[in-house]
């Protein structure tokens, strides 16, 4: 395995090591796109903290961000995560669990 690939996987695990980020991924995994206001409503943290976590997920290529006026919309890059960690989403508990 190349050093670049090893570093990429290490960074991915660092980002996935936060429960809030896992929760964000769970919500994104059941929708095509999630608006920033949706995350504001469902996560018990400040908007600035949500932005911090979104940036971390975006930086490792796990989601894309689309701006529409004042609002941001997030889309999960499921293929990238599945390529690096096959079966990841099957291991996550359901949202209603």
PDB file of N, CA and C in Angstrom:
ATOM      1  N   UNK A   1       0.851  -1.168   0.000  1.00  0.00           N
ATOM      2  CA  UNK A   1       0.000   0.000   0.000  1.00  0.00           C
ATOM      3  C   UNK A   1       0.902   1.238   0.000  1.00  0.00           C
ATOM      4  N   UNK A   2       0.568   2.217  -0.821  1.00  0.00           N
ATOM      5  CA  UNK A   2       1.394   3.411  -0.923  1.00  0.00           C
ATOM      6  C   UNK A   2       1.246   4.282   0.320  1.00  0.00           C
ATOM      7  N   UNK A   3       2.259   5.124   0.546  1.00  0.00           N
ATOM      8  CA  UNK A   3       2.230   6.039   1.682  1.00  0.00           C
ATOM      9  C   UNK A   3       1.049   6.991   1.577  1.00  0.00           C
ATOM     10  N   UNK A   4       0.743   7.451   0.381  1.00  0.00           N
ATOM     11  CA  UNK A   4      -0.386   8.360   0.189  1.00  0.00           C
ATOM     12  C   UNK A   4      -1.687   7.686   0.586  1.00  0.00           C
ATOM     13  N   UNK A   5      -1.899   6.459   0.148  1.00  0.00           N
ATOM     14  CA  UNK A   5      -3.107   5.714   0.482  1.00  0.00           C
ATOM     15  C   UNK A   5      -3.183   5.467   1.991  1.00  0.00           C
ATOM     16  N   UNK A   6      -2.068   5.142   2.606  1.00  0.00           N
ATOM     17  CA  UNK A   6      -2.025   4.921   4.041  1.00  0.00           C
ATOM     18  C   UNK A   6      -2.400   6.194   4.789  1.00  0.00           C
ATOM     19  N   UNK A   7      -1.869   7.325   4.366  1.00  0.00           N
ATOM     20  CA  UNK A   7      -2.189   8.601   5.007  1.00  0.00           C
ATOM     21  C   UNK A   7      -3.661   8.957   4.810  1.00  0.00           C
ATOM     22  N   UNK A   8      -4.177   8.678   3.624  1.00  0.00           N
ATOM     23  CA  UNK A   8      -5.583   8.954   3.325  1.00  0.00           C
ATOM     24  C   UNK A   8      -6.504   8.143   4.240  1.00  0.00           C
ATOM     25  N   UNK A   9      -6.185   6.877   4.424  1.00  0.00           N
ATOM     26  CA  UNK A   9      -6.997   6.025   5.290  1.00  0.00           C
ATOM     27  C   UNK A   9      -6.875   6.453   6.748  1.00  0.00           C
ATOM     28  N   UNK A  10      -5.668   6.826   7.175  1.00  0.00           N
ATOM     29  CA  UNK A  10      -5.476   7.294   8.550  1.00  0.00           C
ATOM     30  C   UNK A  10      -6.291   8.559   8.807  1.00  0.00           C
ATOM     31  N   UNK A  11      -6.300   9.477   7.862  1.00  0.00           N
ATOM     32  CA  UNK A  11      -7.084  10.705   7.999  1.00  0.00           C
ATOM     33  C   UNK A  11      -8.575  10.393   8.025  1.00  0.00           C
ATOM     34  N   UNK A  12      -9.000   9.461   7.196  1.00  0.00           N
ATOM     35  CA  UNK A  12     -10.405   9.058   7.181  1.00  0.00           C
ATOM     36  C   UNK A  12     -10.817   8.504   8.549  1.00  0.00           C
ATOM     37  N   UNK A  13      -9.998   7.636   9.127  1.00  0.00           N
ATOM     38  CA  UNK A  13     -10.314   7.084  10.447  1.00  0.00           C
ATOM     39  C   UNK A  13     -10.318   8.169  11.522  1.00  0.00           C
ATOM     40  N   UNK A  14      -9.421   9.136  11.410  1.00  0.00           N
ATOM     41  CA  UNK A  14      -9.409  10.238  12.373  1.00  0.00           C
ATOM     42  C   UNK A  14     -10.730  10.986  12.318  1.00  0.00           C
ATOM     43  N   UNK A  15     -11.185  11.285  11.116  1.00  0.00           N
ATOM     44  CA  UNK A  15     -12.446  12.010  10.951  1.00  0.00           C
ATOM     45  C   UNK A  15     -13.626  11.164  11.420  1.00  0.00           C
ATOM     46  N   UNK A  16     -13.612   9.877  11.118  1.00  0.00           N
ATOM     47  CA  UNK A  16     -14.716   8.998  11.518  1.00  0.00           C
ATOM     48  C   UNK A  16     -14.699   8.664  13.005  1.00  0.00           C
ATOM     49  N   UNK A  17     -13.655   9.061  13.707  1.00  0.00           N
ATOM     50  CA  UNK A  17     -13.541   8.771  15.127  1.00  0.00           C
ATOM     51  C   UNK A  17     -14.374   9.673  16.018  1.00  0.00           C
ATOM     52  N   UNK A  18     -15.201  10.515  15.431  1.00  0.00           N
ATOM     53  CA  UNK A  18     -16.028  11.430  16.221  1.00  0.00           C
ATOM     54  C   UNK A  18     -17.495  11.022  16.117  1.00  0.00           C
ATOM     55  N   UNK A  19     -18.180  10.808  17.240  1.00  0.00           N
ATOM     56  CA  UNK A  19     -19.583  10.371  17.212  1.00  0.00           C
ATOM     57  C   UNK A  19     -20.515  11.355  16.484  1.00  0.00           C
ATOM     58  N   UNK A  20     -20.241  12.638  16.574  1.00  0.00           N
ATOM     59  CA  UNK A  20     -21.092  13.614  15.883  1.00  0.00           C
ATOM     60  C   UNK A  20     -20.986  13.441  14.379  1.00  0.00           C
ATOM     61  N   UNK A  21     -19.804  13.178  13.889  1.00  0.00           N
ATOM     62  CA  UNK A  21     -19.624  12.983  12.445  1.00  0.00           C
ATOM     63  C   UNK A  21     -20.305  11.708  11.978  1.00  0.00           C
ATOM     64  N   UNK A  22     -20.262  10.681  12.801  1.00  0.00           N
ATOM     65  CA  UNK A  22     -20.977   9.442  12.463  1.00  0.00           C
ATOM     66  C   UNK A  22     -22.470   9.735  12.397  1.00  0.00           C
ATOM     67  N   UNK A  23     -22.970  10.509  13.330  1.00  0.00           N
ATOM     68  CA  UNK A  23     -24.393  10.870  13.334  1.00  0.00           C
ATOM     69  C   UNK A  23     -24.755  11.657  12.074  1.00  0.00           C
ATOM     70  N   UNK A  24     -23.913  12.574  11.667  1.00  0.00           N
ATOM     71  CA  UNK A  24     -24.152  13.325  10.428  1.00  0.00           C
ATOM     72  C   UNK A  24     -24.196  12.359   9.244  1.00  0.00           C
ATOM     73  N   UNK A  25     -23.260  11.436   9.173  1.00  0.00           N
ATOM     74  CA  UNK A  25     -23.246  10.458   8.081  1.00  0.00           C
ATOM     75  C   UNK A  25     -24.501   9.600   8.087  1.00  0.00           C
ATOM     76  N   UNK A  26     -24.986   9.230   9.269  1.00  0.00           N
ATOM     77  CA  UNK A  26     -26.226   8.446   9.357  1.00  0.00           C
ATOM     78  C   UNK A  26     -27.381   9.208   8.714  1.00  0.00           C
ATOM     79  N   UNK A  27     -27.495  10.484   9.007  1.00  0.00           N
ATOM     80  CA  UNK A  27     -28.585  11.283   8.442  1.00  0.00           C
ATOM     81  C   UNK A  27     -28.419  11.463   6.932  1.00  0.00           C
ATOM     82  N   UNK A  28     -27.194  11.647   6.503  1.00  0.00           N
ATOM     83  CA  UNK A  28     -26.953  11.807   5.072  1.00  0.00           C
ATOM     84  C   UNK A  28     -27.164  10.499   4.312  1.00  0.00           C
ATOM     85  N   UNK A  29     -26.997   9.376   4.979  1.00  0.00           N
ATOM     86  CA  UNK A  29     -27.106   8.087   4.299  1.00  0.00           C
ATOM     87  C   UNK A  29     -28.543   7.732   3.918  1.00  0.00           C
ATOM     88  N   UNK A  30     -29.517   8.392   4.501  1.00  0.00           N
ATOM     89  CA  UNK A  30     -30.916   8.077   4.203  1.00  0.00           C
ATOM     90  C   UNK A  30     -31.592   9.136   3.330  1.00  0.00           C
ATOM     91  N   UNK A  31     -30.824  10.107   2.855  1.00  0.00           N
ATOM     92  CA  UNK A  31     -31.387  11.164   2.015  1.00  0.00           C
ATOM     93  C   UNK A  31     -30.427  11.472   0.872  1.00  0.00           C
ATOM     94  N   UNK A  32     -30.984  11.941  -0.224  1.00  0.00           N
ATOM     95  CA  UNK A  32     -30.123  12.344  -1.343  1.00  0.00           C
ATOM     96  C   UNK A  32     -29.317  13.588  -0.987  1.00  0.00           C
ATOM     97  N   UNK A  33     -29.963  14.502  -0.260  1.00  0.00           N
ATOM     98  CA  UNK A  33     -29.338  15.761   0.113  1.00  0.00           C
ATOM     99  C   UNK A  33     -29.977  16.237   1.419  1.00  0.00           C
ATOM    100  N   UNK A  34     -29.163  16.834   2.289  1.00  0.00           N
ATOM    101  CA  UNK A  34     -29.665  17.339   3.569  1.00  0.00           C
ATOM    102  C   UNK A  34     -29.290  18.801   3.686  1.00  0.00           C
ATOM    103  N   UNK A  35     -30.275  19.624   4.025  1.00  0.00           N
ATOM    104  CA  UNK A  35     -30.040  21.055   4.190  1.00  0.00           C
ATOM    105  C   UNK A  35     -29.404  21.332   5.547  1.00  0.00           C
ATOM    106  N   UNK A  36     -28.648  22.412   5.607  1.00  0.00           N
ATOM    107  CA  UNK A  36     -28.003  22.787   6.866  1.00  0.00           C
ATOM    108  C   UNK A  36     -29.031  22.997   7.970  1.00  0.00           C
ATOM    109  N   UNK A  37     -30.189  23.515   7.630  1.00  0.00           N
ATOM    110  CA  UNK A  37     -31.224  23.758   8.638  1.00  0.00           C
ATOM    111  C   UNK A  37     -31.735  22.451   9.237  1.00  0.00           C
ATOM    112  N   UNK A  38     -31.727  21.394   8.472  1.00  0.00           N
ATOM    113  CA  UNK A  38     -32.146  20.085   8.981  1.00  0.00           C
ATOM    114  C   UNK A  38     -31.181  19.620  10.070  1.00  0.00           C
ATOM    115  N   UNK A  39     -29.894  19.747   9.802  1.00  0.00           N
ATOM    116  CA  UNK A  39     -28.911  19.349  10.808  1.00  0.00           C
ATOM    117  C   UNK A  39     -29.004  20.243  12.042  1.00  0.00           C
ATOM    118  N   UNK A  40     -29.266  21.528  11.836  1.00  0.00           N
ATOM    119  CA  UNK A  40     -29.459  22.443  12.968  1.00  0.00           C
ATOM    120  C   UNK A  40     -30.593  21.972  13.866  1.00  0.00           C
ATOM    121  N   UNK A  41     -31.638  21.448  13.242  1.00  0.00           N
ATOM    122  CA  UNK A  41     -32.822  21.014  13.998  1.00  0.00           C
ATOM    123  C   UNK A  41     -32.617  19.687  14.727  1.00  0.00           C
ATOM    124  N   UNK A  42     -31.807  18.786  14.171  1.00  0.00           N
ATOM    125  CA  UNK A  42     -31.727  17.444  14.751  1.00  0.00           C
ATOM    126  C   UNK A  42     -30.497  17.201  15.621  1.00  0.00           C
ATOM    127  N   UNK A  43     -29.477  18.020  15.466  1.00  0.00           N
ATOM    128  CA  UNK A  43     -28.269  17.818  16.272  1.00  0.00           C
ATOM    129  C   UNK A  43     -28.244  18.793  17.442  1.00  0.00           C
ATOM    130  N   UNK A  44     -27.940  18.320  18.641  1.00  0.00           N
ATOM    131  CA  UNK A  44     -27.953  19.175  19.828  1.00  0.00           C
ATOM    132  C   UNK A  44     -26.651  19.957  20.027  1.00  0.00           C
ATOM    133  N   UNK A  45     -26.152  20.548  18.931  1.00  0.00           N
ATOM    134  CA  UNK A  45     -24.909  21.322  18.990  1.00  0.00           C
ATOM    135  C   UNK A  45     -25.103  22.620  18.218  1.00  0.00           C
ATOM    136  N   UNK A  46     -24.196  23.542  18.396  1.00  0.00           N
ATOM    137  CA  UNK A  46     -24.311  24.853  17.747  1.00  0.00           C
ATOM    138  C   UNK A  46     -24.056  24.761  16.242  1.00  0.00           C
ATOM    139  N   UNK A  47     -24.514  25.778  15.527  1.00  0.00           N
ATOM    140  CA  UNK A  47     -24.302  25.830  14.073  1.00  0.00           C
ATOM    141  C   UNK A  47     -22.813  25.852  13.734  1.00  0.00           C
ATOM    142  N   UNK A  48     -22.037  26.562  14.538  1.00  0.00           N
ATOM    143  CA  UNK A  48     -20.600  26.637  14.256  1.00  0.00           C
ATOM    144  C   UNK A  48     -19.928  25.279  14.453  1.00  0.00           C
ATOM    145  N   UNK A  49     -20.400  24.502  15.406  1.00  0.00           N
ATOM    146  CA  UNK A  49     -19.849  23.164  15.620  1.00  0.00           C
ATOM    147  C   UNK A  49     -20.247  22.234  14.483  1.00  0.00           C
ATOM    148  N   UNK A  50     -21.492  22.371  14.006  1.00  0.00           N
ATOM    149  CA  UNK A  50     -21.914  21.585  12.838  1.00  0.00           C
ATOM    150  C   UNK A  50     -21.021  21.927  11.652  1.00  0.00           C
ATOM    151  N   UNK A  51     -20.769  23.197  11.427  1.00  0.00           N
ATOM    152  CA  UNK A  51     -19.908  23.625  10.318  1.00  0.00           C
ATOM    153  C   UNK A  51     -18.513  23.029  10.431  1.00  0.00           C
ATOM    154  N   UNK A  52     -17.994  22.981  11.643  1.00  0.00           N
ATOM    155  CA  UNK A  52     -16.678  22.396  11.886  1.00  0.00           C
ATOM    156  C   UNK A  52     -16.653  20.927  11.457  1.00  0.00           C
ATOM    157  N   UNK A  53     -17.680  20.183  11.847  1.00  0.00           N
ATOM    158  CA  UNK A  53     -17.747  18.766  11.499  1.00  0.00           C
ATOM    159  C   UNK A  53     -17.970  18.563   9.999  1.00  0.00           C
ATOM    160  N   UNK A  54     -18.807  19.388   9.402  1.00  0.00           N
ATOM    161  CA  UNK A  54     -19.042  19.316   7.946  1.00  0.00           C
ATOM    162  C   UNK A  54     -17.737  19.547   7.193  1.00  0.00           C
ATOM    163  N   UNK A  55     -16.973  20.529   7.634  1.00  0.00           N
ATOM    164  CA  UNK A  55     -15.700  20.825   6.974  1.00  0.00           C
ATOM    165  C   UNK A  55     -14.756  19.628   7.045  1.00  0.00           C
ATOM    166  N   UNK A  56     -14.693  18.974   8.194  1.00  0.00           N
ATOM    167  CA  UNK A  56     -13.828  17.799   8.336  1.00  0.00           C
ATOM    168  C   UNK A  56     -14.258  16.687   7.389  1.00  0.00           C
ATOM    169  N   UNK A  57     -15.567  16.443   7.312  1.00  0.00           N
ATOM    170  CA  UNK A  57     -16.081  15.405   6.412  1.00  0.00           C
ATOM    171  C   UNK A  57     -15.835  15.759   4.949  1.00  0.00           C
ATOM    172  N   UNK A  58     -15.986  17.030   4.629  1.00  0.00           N
ATOM    173  CA  UNK A  58     -15.753  17.489   3.257  1.00  0.00           C
ATOM    174  C   UNK A  58     -14.275  17.360   2.884  1.00  0.00           C
ATOM    175  N   UNK A  59     -13.387  17.704   3.812  1.00  0.00           N
ATOM    176  CA  UNK A  59     -11.950  17.670   3.537  1.00  0.00           C
ATOM    177  C   UNK A  59     -11.425  16.279   3.217  1.00  0.00           C
ATOM    178  N   UNK A  60     -12.073  15.242   3.729  1.00  0.00           N
ATOM    179  CA  UNK A  60     -11.642  13.872   3.396  1.00  0.00           C
ATOM    180  C   UNK A  60     -12.476  13.284   2.256  1.00  0.00           C
ATOM    181  N   UNK A  61     -13.314  14.111   1.649  1.00  0.00           N
ATOM    182  CA  UNK A  61     -14.051  13.698   0.459  1.00  0.00           C
ATOM    183  C   UNK A  61     -15.295  12.879   0.724  1.00  0.00           C
ATOM    184  N   UNK A  62     -15.835  12.934   1.957  1.00  0.00           N
ATOM    185  CA  UNK A  62     -17.019  12.129   2.261  1.00  0.00           C
ATOM    186  C   UNK A  62     -18.327  12.832   1.946  1.00  0.00           C
ATOM    187  N   UNK A  63     -18.268  14.138   1.711  1.00  0.00           N
ATOM    188  CA  UNK A  63     -19.489  14.823   1.300  1.00  0.00           C
ATOM    189  C   UNK A  63     -19.154  16.027   0.452  1.00  0.00           C
ATOM    190  N   UNK A  64     -20.151  16.447  -0.303  1.00  0.00           N
ATOM    191  CA  UNK A  64     -20.036  17.674  -1.076  1.00  0.00           C
ATOM    192  C   UNK A  64     -21.021  18.680  -0.513  1.00  0.00           C
ATOM    193  N   UNK A  65     -20.695  19.942  -0.728  1.00  0.00           N
ATOM    194  CA  UNK A  65     -21.511  21.034  -0.215  1.00  0.00           C
ATOM    195  C   UNK A  65     -21.959  21.884  -1.387  1.00  0.00           C
ATOM    196  N   UNK A  66     -23.261  22.172  -1.416  1.00  0.00           N
ATOM    197  CA  UNK A  66     -23.836  23.031  -2.458  1.00  0.00           C
ATOM    198  C   UNK A  66     -24.502  24.211  -1.763  1.00  0.00           C
ATOM    199  N   UNK A  67     -24.187  25.416  -2.222  1.00  0.00           N
ATOM    200  CA  UNK A  67     -24.803  26.602  -1.645  1.00  0.00           C
ATOM    201  C   UNK A  67     -25.952  27.050  -2.535  1.00  0.00           C
ATOM    202  N   UNK A  68     -27.078  27.348  -1.906  1.00  0.00           N
ATOM    203  CA  UNK A  68     -28.266  27.829  -2.614  1.00  0.00           C
ATOM    204  C   UNK A  68     -28.786  29.035  -1.832  1.00  0.00           C
ATOM    205  N   UNK A  69     -28.421  30.222  -2.287  1.00  0.00           N
ATOM    206  CA  UNK A  69     -28.789  31.425  -1.551  1.00  0.00           C
ATOM    207  C   UNK A  69     -28.050  31.457  -0.222  1.00  0.00           C
ATOM    208  N   UNK A  70     -28.816  31.540   0.864  1.00  0.00           N
ATOM    209  CA  UNK A  70     -28.225  31.580   2.204  1.00  0.00           C
ATOM    210  C   UNK A  70     -27.980  30.195   2.771  1.00  0.00           C
ATOM    211  N   UNK A  71     -28.477  29.173   2.129  1.00  0.00           N
ATOM    212  CA  UNK A  71     -28.473  27.824   2.696  1.00  0.00           C
ATOM    213  C   UNK A  71     -27.436  26.928   2.035  1.00  0.00           C
ATOM    214  N   UNK A  72     -26.963  25.992   2.826  1.00  0.00           N
ATOM    215  CA  UNK A  72     -26.041  24.977   2.341  1.00  0.00           C
ATOM    216  C   UNK A  72     -26.750  23.635   2.332  1.00  0.00           C
ATOM    217  N   UNK A  73     -26.409  22.829   1.346  1.00  0.00           N
ATOM    218  CA  UNK A  73     -26.987  21.489   1.209  1.00  0.00           C
ATOM    219  C   UNK A  73     -25.836  20.501   1.090  1.00  0.00           C
ATOM    220  N   UNK A  74     -25.965  19.386   1.812  1.00  0.00           N
ATOM    221  CA  UNK A  74     -24.889  18.406   1.893  1.00  0.00           C
ATOM    222  C   UNK A  74     -25.316  17.100   1.238  1.00  0.00           C
ATOM    223  N   UNK A  75     -24.388  16.537   0.472  1.00  0.00           N
ATOM    224  CA  UNK A  75     -24.619  15.264  -0.200  1.00  0.00           C
ATOM    225  C   UNK A  75     -23.493  14.307   0.160  1.00  0.00           C
ATOM    226  N   UNK A  76     -23.853  13.138   0.587  1.00  0.00           N
ATOM    227  CA  UNK A  76     -22.902  12.102   0.944  1.00  0.00           C
ATOM    228  C   UNK A  76     -22.246  11.537  -0.308  1.00  0.00           C
ATOM    229  N   UNK A  77     -20.949  11.333  -0.254  1.00  0.00           N
ATOM    230  CA  UNK A  77     -20.209  10.682  -1.329  1.00  0.00           C
ATOM    231  C   UNK A  77     -20.073   9.202  -0.968  1.00  0.00           C
ATOM    232  N   UNK A  78     -21.201   8.529  -1.035  1.00  0.00           N
ATOM    233  CA  UNK A  78     -21.308   7.130  -0.611  1.00  0.00           C
ATOM    234  C   UNK A  78     -20.286   6.233  -1.316  1.00  0.00           C
ATOM    235  N   UNK A  79     -20.079   6.431  -2.604  1.00  0.00           N
ATOM    236  CA  UNK A  79     -19.154   5.575  -3.362  1.00  0.00           C
ATOM    237  C   UNK A  79     -17.737   5.647  -2.798  1.00  0.00           C
ATOM    238  N   UNK A  80     -17.315   6.847  -2.420  1.00  0.00           N
ATOM    239  CA  UNK A  80     -15.961   6.998  -1.875  1.00  0.00           C
ATOM    240  C   UNK A  80     -15.813   6.240  -0.561  1.00  0.00           C
ATOM    241  N   UNK A  81     -16.783   6.398   0.317  1.00  0.00           N
ATOM    242  CA  UNK A  81     -16.702   5.716   1.606  1.00  0.00           C
ATOM    243  C   UNK A  81     -16.806   4.205   1.433  1.00  0.00           C
ATOM    244  N   UNK A  82     -17.696   3.765   0.572  1.00  0.00           N
ATOM    245  CA  UNK A  82     -17.838   2.320   0.327  1.00  0.00           C
ATOM    246  C   UNK A  82     -16.575   1.739  -0.316  1.00  0.00           C
ATOM    247  N   UNK A  83     -15.871   2.533  -1.142  1.00  0.00           N
ATOM    248  CA  UNK A  83     -14.636   2.047  -1.758  1.00  0.00           C
ATOM    249  C   UNK A  83     -13.542   1.848  -0.704  1.00  0.00           C
ATOM    250  N   UNK A  84     -13.495   2.746   0.278  1.00  0.00           N
ATOM    251  CA  UNK A  84     -12.476   2.653   1.314  1.00  0.00           C
ATOM    252  C   UNK A  84     -12.865   1.702   2.440  1.00  0.00           C
ATOM    253  N   UNK A  85     -14.159   1.696   2.784  1.00  0.00           N
ATOM    254  CA  UNK A  85     -14.654   0.864   3.884  1.00  0.00           C
ATOM    255  C   UNK A  85     -15.920   0.134   3.441  1.00  0.00           C
ATOM    256  N   UNK A  86     -15.779  -0.933   2.661  1.00  0.00           N
ATOM    257  CA  UNK A  86     -16.962  -1.648   2.173  1.00  0.00           C
ATOM    258  C   UNK A  86     -17.857  -2.105   3.329  1.00  0.00           C
ATOM    259  N   UNK A  87     -19.157  -1.910   3.160  1.00  0.00           N
ATOM    260  CA  UNK A  87     -20.124  -2.322   4.168  1.00  0.00           C
ATOM    261  C   UNK A  87     -20.286  -1.368   5.326  1.00  0.00           C
ATOM    262  N   UNK A  88     -19.681  -0.194   5.242  1.00  0.00           N
ATOM    263  CA  UNK A  88     -19.735   0.773   6.350  1.00  0.00           C
ATOM    264  C   UNK A  88     -21.169   1.091   6.760  1.00  0.00           C
ATOM    265  N   UNK A  89     -22.035   1.391   5.804  1.00  0.00           N
ATOM    266  CA  UNK A  89     -23.385   1.819   6.129  1.00  0.00           C
ATOM    267  C   UNK A  89     -24.248   0.692   6.700  1.00  0.00           C
ATOM    268  N   UNK A  90     -23.952  -0.530   6.324  1.00  0.00           N
ATOM    269  CA  UNK A  90     -24.685  -1.655   6.870  1.00  0.00           C
ATOM    270  C   UNK A  90     -24.378  -1.860   8.351  1.00  0.00           C
ATOM    271  N   UNK A  91     -23.257  -1.342   8.802  1.00  0.00           N
ATOM    272  CA  UNK A  91     -22.864  -1.496  10.196  1.00  0.00           C
ATOM    273  C   UNK A  91     -23.399  -0.380  11.095  1.00  0.00           C
ATOM    274  N   UNK A  92     -23.912   0.679  10.504  1.00  0.00           N
ATOM    275  CA  UNK A  92     -24.461   1.783  11.301  1.00  0.00           C
ATOM    276  C   UNK A  92     -25.844   1.421  11.831  1.00  0.00           C
ATOM    277  N   UNK A  93     -26.117   1.766  13.084  1.00  0.00           N
ATOM    278  CA  UNK A  93     -27.492   1.541  13.579  1.00  0.00           C
ATOM    279  C   UNK A  93     -28.474   2.429  12.825  1.00  0.00           C
ATOM    280  N   UNK A  94     -29.704   1.961  12.685  1.00  0.00           N
ATOM    281  CA  UNK A  94     -30.742   2.743  12.011  1.00  0.00           C
ATOM    282  C   UNK A  94     -31.001   4.019  12.784  1.00  0.00           C
ATOM    283  N   UNK A  95     -31.503   5.038  12.092  1.00  0.00           N
ATOM    284  CA  UNK A  95     -31.762   6.329  12.731  1.00  0.00           C
ATOM    285  C   UNK A  95     -32.770   6.215  13.857  1.00  0.00           C
ATOM    286  N   UNK A  96     -33.731   5.333  13.729  1.00  0.00           N
ATOM    287  CA  UNK A  96     -34.759   5.214  14.758  1.00  0.00           C
ATOM    288  C   UNK A  96     -34.382   4.230  15.859  1.00  0.00           C
ATOM    289  N   UNK A  97     -33.165   3.705  15.810  1.00  0.00           N
ATOM    290  CA  UNK A  97     -32.722   2.731  16.831  1.00  0.00           C
ATOM    291  C   UNK A  97     -32.326   3.420  18.119  1.00  0.00           C
TER     292      UNK A  97
END
